[in-house]
Amino acid sequence: MSDLLSSLTTELRRGTLTLAVLSQLQTPQYGYSLVQLLEKSGIVIDQSTLYPLLRRLEKQKLVTSSWDTTESRPRKYYVLSDFGTELFLQLKQEWEKTSLELQQLLEGEKKNELD
């Protein structure tokens, strides 16, 4: 049962991670700062998951990247493109709608248990 729960939880989180990452790229972030921001909100993301996701978002033209070499250690910063901002806002709206619908279903289920 715990293996199945773990698998289903991973599946559930997979789609939400994209939205979580996009939400934090309204200002430029490098990988580690992004991990910290997400963890501060309770979302744990492994770097082995984050970097492939950032590369995919860049390939989809949702995110742009640039190197900052002014520090002793060069960092690659990611930020939403204009297209990415537009898509993020639509995705956020869809998430809010879906989340509300799901909440209503779950509350209905709770109400049925009490009856």
Protein backbone atom coordinates (compact mmCIF):
# COMPACT_ATOMS: atom_id res chain seq x y z
CA MET A 1 0.00 0.00 0.00
CA SER A 2 2.75 2.50 0.88
CA ASP A 3 4.45 1.88 -2.50
CA LEU A 4 1.19 2.58 -4.29
CA LEU A 5 0.57 5.71 -2.19
CA SER A 6 4.09 6.91 -2.91
CA SER A 7 3.63 6.32 -6.63
CA LEU A 8 0.28 8.13 -6.71
CA THR A 9 1.65 11.02 -4.64
CA THR A 10 4.56 11.40 -7.07
CA GLU A 11 2.14 11.38 -9.98
CA LEU A 12 -0.02 14.02 -8.29
CA ARG A 13 2.98 16.26 -7.54
CA ARG A 14 4.51 15.98 -11.01
CA GLY A 15 1.96 18.28 -12.64
CA THR A 16 1.96 20.77 -9.81
CA LEU A 17 5.74 21.22 -9.82
CA THR A 18 5.63 22.94 -13.21
CA LEU A 19 3.12 25.48 -11.92
CA ALA A 20 5.12 25.95 -8.70
CA VAL A 21 8.34 26.60 -10.62
CA LEU A 22 6.69 28.98 -13.07
CA SER A 23 5.18 30.92 -10.16
CA GLN A 24 8.64 31.65 -8.79
CA LEU A 25 10.22 32.74 -12.06
CA GLN A 26 8.52 36.11 -12.33
CA THR A 27 11.86 37.43 -11.09
CA PRO A 28 15.17 35.86 -12.19
CA GLN A 29 16.26 32.87 -10.10
CA TYR A 30 19.14 30.45 -10.32
CA GLY A 31 18.65 26.78 -9.52
CA TYR A 32 19.59 26.76 -5.85
CA SER A 33 17.66 29.95 -5.05
CA LEU A 34 14.63 28.40 -6.73
CA VAL A 35 14.96 25.25 -4.62
CA GLN A 36 15.13 27.41 -1.47
CA LEU A 37 12.08 29.49 -2.44
CA LEU A 38 10.04 26.38 -3.13
CA GLU A 39 11.16 24.66 0.08
CA LYS A 40 10.19 27.78 2.05
CA SER A 41 6.66 27.21 0.75
CA GLY A 42 6.77 23.52 1.70
CA ILE A 43 7.44 22.21 -1.81
CA VAL A 44 10.44 19.92 -1.88
CA ILE A 45 12.07 19.51 -5.27
CA ASP A 46 15.25 17.61 -5.94
CA GLN A 47 17.84 19.26 -8.18
CA SER A 48 17.76 16.16 -10.40
CA THR A 49 14.09 17.00 -11.02
CA LEU A 50 14.46 20.78 -11.20
CA TYR A 51 17.16 21.15 -13.85
CA PRO A 52 15.53 18.87 -16.45
CA LEU A 53 12.26 20.73 -15.81
CA LEU A 54 13.97 24.11 -16.33
CA ARG A 55 15.56 22.85 -19.57
CA ARG A 56 12.16 21.62 -20.79
CA LEU A 57 10.50 24.95 -19.93
CA GLU A 58 13.26 26.77 -21.80
CA LYS A 59 12.83 24.50 -24.82
CA GLN A 60 9.09 25.26 -24.73
CA LYS A 61 10.00 28.99 -24.73
CA LEU A 62 8.26 29.58 -21.39
CA VAL A 63 11.52 30.50 -19.69
CA THR A 64 14.67 32.24 -20.83
CA SER A 65 18.07 31.91 -19.21
CA SER A 66 21.22 33.98 -18.98
CA TRP A 67 24.57 33.58 -17.28
CA ASP A 68 25.76 35.98 -14.60
CA THR A 69 29.53 35.90 -14.50
CA THR A 70 30.04 38.92 -12.24
CA GLU A 71 30.39 36.72 -9.14
CA SER A 72 33.31 34.38 -8.51
CA ARG A 73 31.00 31.50 -9.37
CA PRO A 74 28.99 31.89 -12.62
CA ARG A 75 25.25 31.29 -12.22
CA LYS A 76 22.59 30.58 -14.77
CA TYR A 77 19.46 32.60 -14.09
CA TYR A 78 16.01 31.66 -15.33
CA VAL A 79 13.02 33.97 -15.77
CA LEU A 80 9.61 33.75 -17.41
CA SER A 81 9.46 34.90 -21.02
CA ASP A 82 6.51 37.04 -22.12
CA PHE A 83 4.93 33.89 -23.54
CA GLY A 84 5.71 32.09 -20.28
CA THR A 85 4.03 34.82 -18.24
CA GLU A 86 0.91 34.64 -20.40
CA LEU A 87 0.80 30.84 -20.17
CA PHE A 88 1.51 30.88 -16.42
CA LEU A 89 -1.47 33.18 -15.81
CA GLN A 90 -3.74 30.87 -17.83
CA LEU A 91 -2.37 27.79 -16.09
CA LYS A 92 -2.84 29.44 -12.69
CA GLN A 93 -6.45 30.22 -13.55
CA GLU A 94 -7.00 26.62 -14.65
CA TRP A 95 -5.39 25.35 -11.42
CA GLU A 96 -7.63 27.57 -9.29
CA LYS A 97 -10.73 26.34 -11.14
CA THR A 98 -9.70 22.68 -10.88
CA SER A 99 -8.67 23.08 -7.25
CA LEU A 100 -12.05 24.58 -6.35
CA GLU A 101 -13.90 21.79 -8.18
CA LEU A 102 -11.82 19.13 -6.44
CA GLN A 103 -12.32 20.79 -3.06
CA GLN A 104 -16.08 20.71 -3.60
CA LEU A 105 -15.89 17.01 -4.49
CA LEU A 106 -13.82 16.22 -1.41
CA GLU A 107 -16.10 18.20 0.87
CA GLY A 108 -19.09 16.40 -0.64
CA GLU A 109 -17.37 13.11 0.13
CA LYS A 110 -16.82 14.22 3.74
CA LYS A 111 -20.48 15.29 3.99
CA ASN A 112 -21.59 11.86 2.69
CA GLU A 113 -19.48 10.15 5.36
CA LEU A 114 -21.26 12.13 8.07
CA ASP A 115 -24.75 11.27 6.79
